[in-house]
N, C-alpha and C. Protein backbone atom coordinates (compact mmCIF):
# COMPACT_ATOMS: atom_id res chain seq x y z
N MET A 1 0.92 -1.02 0.13
CA MET A 1 0.18 -0.12 0.18
C MET A 1 0.78 1.09 -0.03
N ILE A 2 0.48 2.10 -0.90
CA ILE A 2 1.05 3.54 -0.33
C ILE A 2 0.80 4.42 0.75
N GLU A 3 1.33 5.37 1.16
CA GLU A 3 0.39 6.42 2.11
C GLU A 3 -0.48 7.13 1.30
N ILE A 4 -1.12 7.89 2.05
CA ILE A 4 -2.90 8.91 1.66
C ILE A 4 -2.38 9.60 2.47
N ASP A 5 -2.64 10.89 1.98
CA ASP A 5 -2.68 11.82 2.60
C ASP A 5 -3.81 12.30 3.30
N LEU A 6 -4.51 11.85 4.25
CA LEU A 6 -5.74 11.56 4.67
C LEU A 6 -6.42 12.88 5.06
N LYS A 7 -6.31 13.81 5.45
CA LYS A 7 -6.46 14.84 5.63
C LYS A 7 -6.98 15.56 4.41
N ASN A 8 -6.21 15.55 3.11
CA ASN A 8 -6.62 16.17 2.36
C ASN A 8 -7.29 15.52 1.36
N VAL A 9 -7.97 14.31 1.37
CA VAL A 9 -8.24 13.25 0.52
C VAL A 9 -10.20 13.97 1.52
N LEU A 10 -9.96 13.93 2.59
CA LEU A 10 -11.13 14.23 3.18
C LEU A 10 -11.88 15.64 2.41
N ILE A 11 -10.75 16.79 2.89
CA ILE A 11 -11.15 17.91 2.44
C ILE A 11 -11.47 18.13 0.83
N GLN A 12 -10.88 17.17 -0.18
CA GLN A 12 -11.25 17.07 -1.33
C GLN A 12 -12.56 16.37 -1.38
N HIS A 13 -13.43 15.49 -0.75
CA HIS A 13 -14.29 15.15 -0.89
C HIS A 13 -15.38 15.71 -0.11
N GLY A 14 -14.99 17.03 0.63
CA GLY A 14 -16.24 17.32 1.35
C GLY A 14 -16.29 16.96 2.58
N SER A 15 -15.48 16.00 3.06
CA SER A 15 -16.03 14.87 4.28
C SER A 15 -15.24 15.59 5.63
N THR A 16 -15.61 15.33 6.44
CA THR A 16 -15.09 15.70 8.17
C THR A 16 -14.68 14.62 8.47
N GLN A 17 -13.62 15.14 9.58
CA GLN A 17 -13.01 13.89 10.08
C GLN A 17 -13.88 12.86 11.29
N ALA A 18 -14.96 13.44 11.61
CA ALA A 18 -15.99 13.12 12.35
C ALA A 18 -16.93 11.75 11.87
N LYS A 19 -17.29 12.59 10.48
CA LYS A 19 -17.94 11.67 9.16
C LYS A 19 -17.13 10.87 9.29
N PHE A 20 -15.97 10.72 8.81
CA PHE A 20 -15.06 9.78 7.95
C PHE A 20 -14.96 8.56 9.24
N SER A 21 -14.70 8.80 10.65
CA SER A 21 -14.77 8.15 11.59
C SER A 21 -15.76 7.31 11.39
N SER A 22 -17.20 7.99 11.55
CA SER A 22 -18.23 7.01 11.66
C SER A 22 -18.29 6.12 10.78
N GLU A 23 -17.59 6.60 9.77
CA GLU A 23 -17.86 5.27 8.25
C GLU A 23 -17.08 4.48 7.86
N SER A 24 -15.76 4.71 8.87
CA SER A 24 -14.58 4.09 8.77
C SER A 24 -14.78 3.21 9.81
N GLY A 25 -15.22 3.23 11.18
CA GLY A 25 -15.11 2.66 12.11
C GLY A 25 -13.89 2.72 12.88
N VAL A 26 -13.25 3.85 12.30
CA VAL A 26 -12.22 4.21 13.46
C VAL A 26 -12.19 5.41 14.40
N SER A 27 -11.74 5.15 15.57
CA SER A 27 -12.54 6.49 16.25
C SER A 27 -11.84 8.09 15.85
N LEU A 28 -12.49 8.71 16.29
CA LEU A 28 -12.10 10.12 15.82
C LEU A 28 -10.78 10.68 16.34
N ALA A 29 -10.25 9.90 17.51
CA ALA A 29 -9.02 10.55 17.87
C ALA A 29 -8.35 10.30 17.26
N THR A 30 -7.94 8.95 16.73
CA THR A 30 -7.32 8.25 15.86
C THR A 30 -6.64 8.60 14.18
N ILE A 31 -8.62 9.31 13.80
CA ILE A 31 -8.26 10.22 12.31
C ILE A 31 -7.84 11.52 12.70
N SER A 32 -7.84 12.09 13.84
CA SER A 32 -7.41 13.07 14.19
C SER A 32 -6.01 13.11 14.61
N LYS A 33 -5.38 11.70 14.90
CA LYS A 33 -3.82 11.91 14.73
C LYS A 33 -3.55 11.71 13.68
N ILE A 34 -3.77 10.64 12.62
CA ILE A 34 -3.70 10.84 11.31
C ILE A 34 -3.47 11.82 10.59
N CYS A 35 -4.35 12.75 10.70
CA CYS A 35 -4.47 13.79 10.01
C CYS A 35 -3.40 15.14 10.15
N ASN A 36 -3.36 14.60 11.50
CA ASN A 36 -2.15 15.90 12.15
C ASN A 36 -1.20 15.82 12.70
N ASP A 37 -0.65 14.16 12.81
CA ASP A 37 0.65 14.29 13.17
C ASP A 37 1.10 13.38 12.15
N PRO A 38 2.54 14.12 11.58
CA PRO A 38 3.17 13.15 10.58
C PRO A 38 3.92 11.87 11.14
N ASN A 39 4.18 12.53 12.33
CA ASN A 39 4.99 11.24 12.89
C ASN A 39 4.21 9.70 13.33
N TYR A 40 3.03 10.06 13.47
CA TYR A 40 1.60 8.86 13.93
C TYR A 40 1.89 7.70 12.87
N GLN A 41 2.04 6.40 13.36
CA GLN A 41 1.92 5.43 12.74
C GLN A 41 0.84 4.25 12.94
N PRO A 42 -0.44 4.50 12.48
CA PRO A 42 -1.55 3.66 12.77
C PRO A 42 -1.41 1.98 12.42
N SER A 43 -2.05 1.11 13.09
CA SER A 43 -1.75 -0.19 12.84
C SER A 43 -2.04 -0.66 11.66
N ALA A 44 -1.43 -1.81 11.37
CA ALA A 44 -1.81 -2.21 10.06
C ALA A 44 -3.75 -2.74 9.89
N LEU A 45 -4.61 -3.07 11.30
CA LEU A 45 -5.90 -3.22 11.14
C LEU A 45 -6.06 -1.76 10.58
N VAL A 46 -5.98 -0.75 11.49
CA VAL A 46 -6.37 0.62 11.34
C VAL A 46 -6.38 1.02 9.89
N LYS A 47 -5.10 0.75 9.15
CA LYS A 47 -4.72 1.22 7.65
C LYS A 47 -5.79 0.10 7.14
N SER A 48 -6.17 -0.72 7.57
CA SER A 48 -7.02 -1.52 6.82
C SER A 48 -8.51 -1.15 6.57
N LYS A 49 -8.87 -0.53 7.63
CA LYS A 49 -10.11 -0.07 8.02
C LYS A 49 -10.40 1.27 6.97
N ILE A 50 -9.26 2.37 7.16
CA ILE A 50 -8.98 3.20 6.86
C ILE A 50 -9.23 3.32 4.90
N TYR A 51 -8.17 2.46 4.41
CA TYR A 51 -8.22 2.14 2.66
C TYR A 51 -9.77 1.72 2.70
N ASN A 52 -10.07 0.60 3.54
CA ASN A 52 -11.24 -0.32 2.67
C ASN A 52 -12.14 1.29 2.88
N ALA A 53 -12.61 1.95 3.92
CA ALA A 53 -13.80 2.76 3.69
C ALA A 53 -13.85 3.63 2.44
N LEU A 54 -12.50 4.37 2.32
CA LEU A 54 -12.07 5.22 1.22
C LEU A 54 -12.50 4.50 -0.23
N ASN A 55 -11.98 3.19 -0.12
CA ASN A 55 -12.38 2.46 -1.47
C ASN A 55 -13.86 2.65 -1.61
N ARG A 56 -14.75 2.16 -0.58
CA ARG A 56 -16.11 1.66 -0.59
C ARG A 56 -16.66 3.12 -0.72
N LEU A 57 -16.28 4.36 -0.39
CA LEU A 57 -17.03 5.61 -0.65
C LEU A 57 -16.39 6.40 -1.71
N GLY A 58 -15.31 5.74 -2.65
CA GLY A 58 -15.09 6.06 -3.68
C GLY A 58 -14.31 7.17 -3.42
N TYR A 59 -13.71 7.15 -2.57
CA TYR A 59 -12.69 8.59 -2.23
C TYR A 59 -11.28 8.48 -3.22
N ILE A 60 -11.12 6.72 -3.25
CA ILE A 60 -10.06 6.27 -3.82
C ILE A 60 -10.09 5.20 -4.50
N ASP A 61 -9.58 5.21 -5.61
CA ASP A 61 -9.88 3.63 -6.77
C ASP A 61 -8.49 2.23 -6.06
N LYS A 62 -9.16 1.49 -5.69
CA LYS A 62 -8.71 0.28 -5.48
C LYS A 62 -6.83 0.44 -5.44
N ASP A 63 -7.22 0.78 -7.09
CA ASP A 63 -5.57 0.54 -8.11
C ASP A 63 -4.66 1.46 -7.40
N GLU A 64 -4.88 2.36 -6.52
CA GLU A 64 -4.15 3.68 -6.61
C GLU A 64 -3.65 3.18 -5.17
N TRP A 65 -3.74 2.33 -4.30
CA TRP A 65 -3.32 1.61 -3.31
C TRP A 65 -2.86 0.71 -2.88
N ILE A 66 -3.00 0.14 -4.03
CA ILE A 66 -2.16 -1.41 -4.38
C ILE A 66 -1.11 -1.50 -4.78
N GLN A 67 0.00 -2.23 -4.87
CA GLN A 67 1.52 -1.79 -5.56
C GLN A 67 1.44 -3.23 -6.10
């Protein structure tokens, strides 16, 4: 997987961290850390939930993040 700039993806699609938290099943605190702390490294499970939600919502194409 490649890294996604989640903050910018959410902005581009008119979503909020709170809304995406609900849609992805990842806590708002974790979404906030991912968007605002460049040193934060989420677990593989959290990354998987985020990428699956981004794909399901049509924010990214699966081909964009699988190498």
